[in-house]
Amino acid sequence: MSSEKIDVRYVAKLARIALTDDEVERFGAQLGDLLEHVDSLAKLDVSAVAATAQVVESRNVERDDALVPCLDRDVVLAQAPQRQGGFFRVPRIIAE
């Protein structure tokens, strides 16, 4: 696919980017180089390569649950700017 098939001005308009004539020419050439590279990658034989969802192997990191003492509710609520009963009171962020 060559860059002549892509209207750089139209793509810039869709992206709401104002380009000068020099930028259209420069980006058109860069886009052409990029598309040539993609075409060369498309020609590679990858039949022996296993399909992957990720390049880097990932795994879940888990730890054992351990009971630890928690903070005293009354001590924590005593430091709150506002409280309502046994809860923190915070400003409403969603209108009714």
C-alpha atoms as a PDB file:
ATOM      1  CA  MET A   1       0.000   0.000   0.000  1.00  0.00           C
ATOM      2  CA  SER A   2       1.490   3.330  -0.951  1.00  0.00           C
ATOM      3  CA  SER A   3       0.968   6.705   0.610  1.00  0.00           C
ATOM      4  CA  GLU A   4      -0.601   7.956  -2.658  1.00  0.00           C
ATOM      5  CA  LYS A   5      -3.682   5.899  -1.790  1.00  0.00           C
ATOM      6  CA  ILE A   6      -4.087   7.776   1.497  1.00  0.00           C
ATOM      7  CA  ASP A   7      -5.302  11.359   1.502  1.00  0.00           C
ATOM      8  CA  VAL A   8      -3.179  12.920   4.250  1.00  0.00           C
ATOM      9  CA  ARG A   9      -5.274  16.080   4.280  1.00  0.00           C
ATOM     10  CA  TYR A  10      -8.464  14.056   4.789  1.00  0.00           C
ATOM     11  CA  VAL A  11      -6.910  12.063   7.648  1.00  0.00           C
ATOM     12  CA  ALA A  12      -5.696  15.298   9.240  1.00  0.00           C
ATOM     13  CA  LYS A  13      -9.192  16.759   8.901  1.00  0.00           C
ATOM     14  CA  LEU A  14     -10.690  13.713  10.623  1.00  0.00           C
ATOM     15  CA  ALA A  15      -8.150  14.133  13.430  1.00  0.00           C
ATOM     16  CA  ARG A  16      -8.934  17.864  13.518  1.00  0.00           C
ATOM     17  CA  ILE A  17      -5.291  18.720  12.872  1.00  0.00           C
ATOM     18  CA  ALA A  18      -4.325  21.690  10.723  1.00  0.00           C
ATOM     19  CA  LEU A  19      -1.340  20.855   8.518  1.00  0.00           C
ATOM     20  CA  THR A  20       0.752  23.073   6.302  1.00  0.00           C
ATOM     21  CA  ASP A  21       1.674  21.981   2.774  1.00  0.00           C
ATOM     22  CA  ASP A  22       5.175  21.063   3.990  1.00  0.00           C
ATOM     23  CA  GLU A  23       3.751  18.941   6.795  1.00  0.00           C
ATOM     24  CA  VAL A  24       1.389  17.154   4.405  1.00  0.00           C
ATOM     25  CA  GLU A  25       4.321  16.287   2.155  1.00  0.00           C
ATOM     26  CA  ARG A  26       6.576  15.207   5.049  1.00  0.00           C
ATOM     27  CA  PHE A  27       3.900  13.163   6.855  1.00  0.00           C
ATOM     28  CA  GLY A  28       2.779  11.619   3.577  1.00  0.00           C
ATOM     29  CA  ALA A  29       6.322  10.361   2.970  1.00  0.00           C
ATOM     30  CA  GLN A  30       6.609   9.072   6.545  1.00  0.00           C
ATOM     31  CA  LEU A  31       3.251   7.347   6.255  1.00  0.00           C
ATOM     32  CA  GLY A  32       4.371   5.740   3.004  1.00  0.00           C
ATOM     33  CA  ASP A  33       7.520   4.411   4.696  1.00  0.00           C
ATOM     34  CA  LEU A  34       5.443   3.070   7.573  1.00  0.00           C
ATOM     35  CA  LEU A  35       3.009   1.318   5.251  1.00  0.00           C
ATOM     36  CA  GLU A  36       5.886  -0.233   3.279  1.00  0.00           C
ATOM     37  CA  HIS A  37       7.260  -1.614   6.553  1.00  0.00           C
ATOM     38  CA  VAL A  38       3.850  -3.038   7.479  1.00  0.00           C
ATOM     39  CA  ASP A  39       3.625  -4.653   4.030  1.00  0.00           C
ATOM     40  CA  SER A  40       7.031  -6.268   4.521  1.00  0.00           C
ATOM     41  CA  LEU A  41       5.904  -7.620   7.907  1.00  0.00           C
ATOM     42  CA  ALA A  42       2.748  -9.019   6.317  1.00  0.00           C
ATOM     43  CA  LYS A  43       4.920 -11.069   3.932  1.00  0.00           C
ATOM     44  CA  LEU A  44       6.778 -12.843   6.756  1.00  0.00           C
ATOM     45  CA  ASP A  45       6.111 -16.549   7.307  1.00  0.00           C
ATOM     46  CA  VAL A  46       4.758 -16.829  10.833  1.00  0.00           C
ATOM     47  CA  SER A  47       3.208 -20.270  10.500  1.00  0.00           C
ATOM     48  CA  ALA A  48       5.723 -21.715  12.990  1.00  0.00           C
ATOM     49  CA  VAL A  49       5.074 -19.006  15.574  1.00  0.00           C
ATOM     50  CA  ALA A  50       2.539 -19.828  18.272  1.00  0.00           C
ATOM     51  CA  ALA A  51      -0.329 -17.410  18.692  1.00  0.00           C
ATOM     52  CA  THR A  52      -0.083 -15.325  21.852  1.00  0.00           C
ATOM     53  CA  ALA A  53      -2.200 -12.760  23.577  1.00  0.00           C
ATOM     54  CA  GLN A  54       0.833 -11.283  25.350  1.00  0.00           C
ATOM     55  CA  VAL A  55       4.500 -11.172  24.533  1.00  0.00           C
ATOM     56  CA  VAL A  56       5.615 -11.198  28.155  1.00  0.00           C
ATOM     57  CA  GLU A  57       4.325 -14.002  30.326  1.00  0.00           C
ATOM     58  CA  SER A  58       2.165 -12.774  33.145  1.00  0.00           C
ATOM     59  CA  ARG A  59       0.970 -14.500  36.258  1.00  0.00           C
ATOM     60  CA  ASN A  60      -1.106 -13.620  39.268  1.00  0.00           C
ATOM     61  CA  VAL A  61       0.861 -12.770  42.356  1.00  0.00           C
ATOM     62  CA  GLU A  62      -0.912 -14.079  45.389  1.00  0.00           C
ATOM     63  CA  ARG A  63      -0.170 -13.987  49.065  1.00  0.00           C
ATOM     64  CA  ASP A  64      -1.686 -15.815  51.980  1.00  0.00           C
ATOM     65  CA  ASP A  65      -4.439 -14.027  53.845  1.00  0.00           C
ATOM     66  CA  ALA A  66      -3.301 -13.119  57.316  1.00  0.00           C
ATOM     67  CA  LEU A  67      -5.395 -11.666  60.094  1.00  0.00           C
ATOM     68  CA  VAL A  68      -3.885  -8.509  61.519  1.00  0.00           C
ATOM     69  CA  PRO A  69      -5.285  -6.098  64.060  1.00  0.00           C
ATOM     70  CA  CYS A  70      -7.195  -3.209  62.521  1.00  0.00           C
ATOM     71  CA  LEU A  71      -7.584   0.367  63.673  1.00  0.00           C
ATOM     72  CA  ASP A  72     -10.128   1.179  66.357  1.00  0.00           C
ATOM     73  CA  ARG A  73     -13.266   2.611  64.719  1.00  0.00           C
ATOM     74  CA  ASP A  74     -13.872   5.319  67.322  1.00  0.00           C
ATOM     75  CA  VAL A  75     -10.267   6.557  67.138  1.00  0.00           C
ATOM     76  CA  VAL A  76     -10.415   6.806  63.337  1.00  0.00           C
ATOM     77  CA  LEU A  77     -13.843   8.450  63.267  1.00  0.00           C
ATOM     78  CA  ALA A  78     -12.725  10.953  65.917  1.00  0.00           C
ATOM     79  CA  GLN A  79     -10.194  12.284  63.365  1.00  0.00           C
ATOM     80  CA  ALA A  80     -12.749  12.635  60.539  1.00  0.00           C
ATOM     81  CA  PRO A  81     -13.757  16.174  59.542  1.00  0.00           C
ATOM     82  CA  GLN A  82     -17.404  15.085  59.528  1.00  0.00           C
ATOM     83  CA  ARG A  83     -19.127  11.918  60.633  1.00  0.00           C
ATOM     84  CA  GLN A  84     -22.640  10.610  60.698  1.00  0.00           C
ATOM     85  CA  GLY A  85     -23.195   7.849  63.187  1.00  0.00           C
ATOM     86  CA  GLY A  86     -20.487   5.241  62.658  1.00  0.00           C
ATOM     87  CA  PHE A  87     -19.582   6.464  59.155  1.00  0.00           C
ATOM     88  CA  PHE A  88     -17.532   9.166  57.454  1.00  0.00           C
ATOM     89  CA  ARG A  89     -19.655  11.945  55.982  1.00  0.00           C
ATOM     90  CA  VAL A  90     -18.434  13.196  52.620  1.00  0.00           C
ATOM     91  CA  PRO A  91     -19.797  15.792  50.212  1.00  0.00           C
ATOM     92  CA  ARG A  92     -22.236  14.601  47.562  1.00  0.00           C
ATOM     93  CA  ILE A  93     -20.518  14.324  44.187  1.00  0.00           C
ATOM     94  CA  ILE A  94     -23.470  13.139  42.099  1.00  0.00           C
ATOM     95  CA  ALA A  95     -26.473  15.398  41.729  1.00  0.00           C
ATOM     96  CA  GLU A  96     -29.913  14.000  42.345  1.00  0.00           C
END
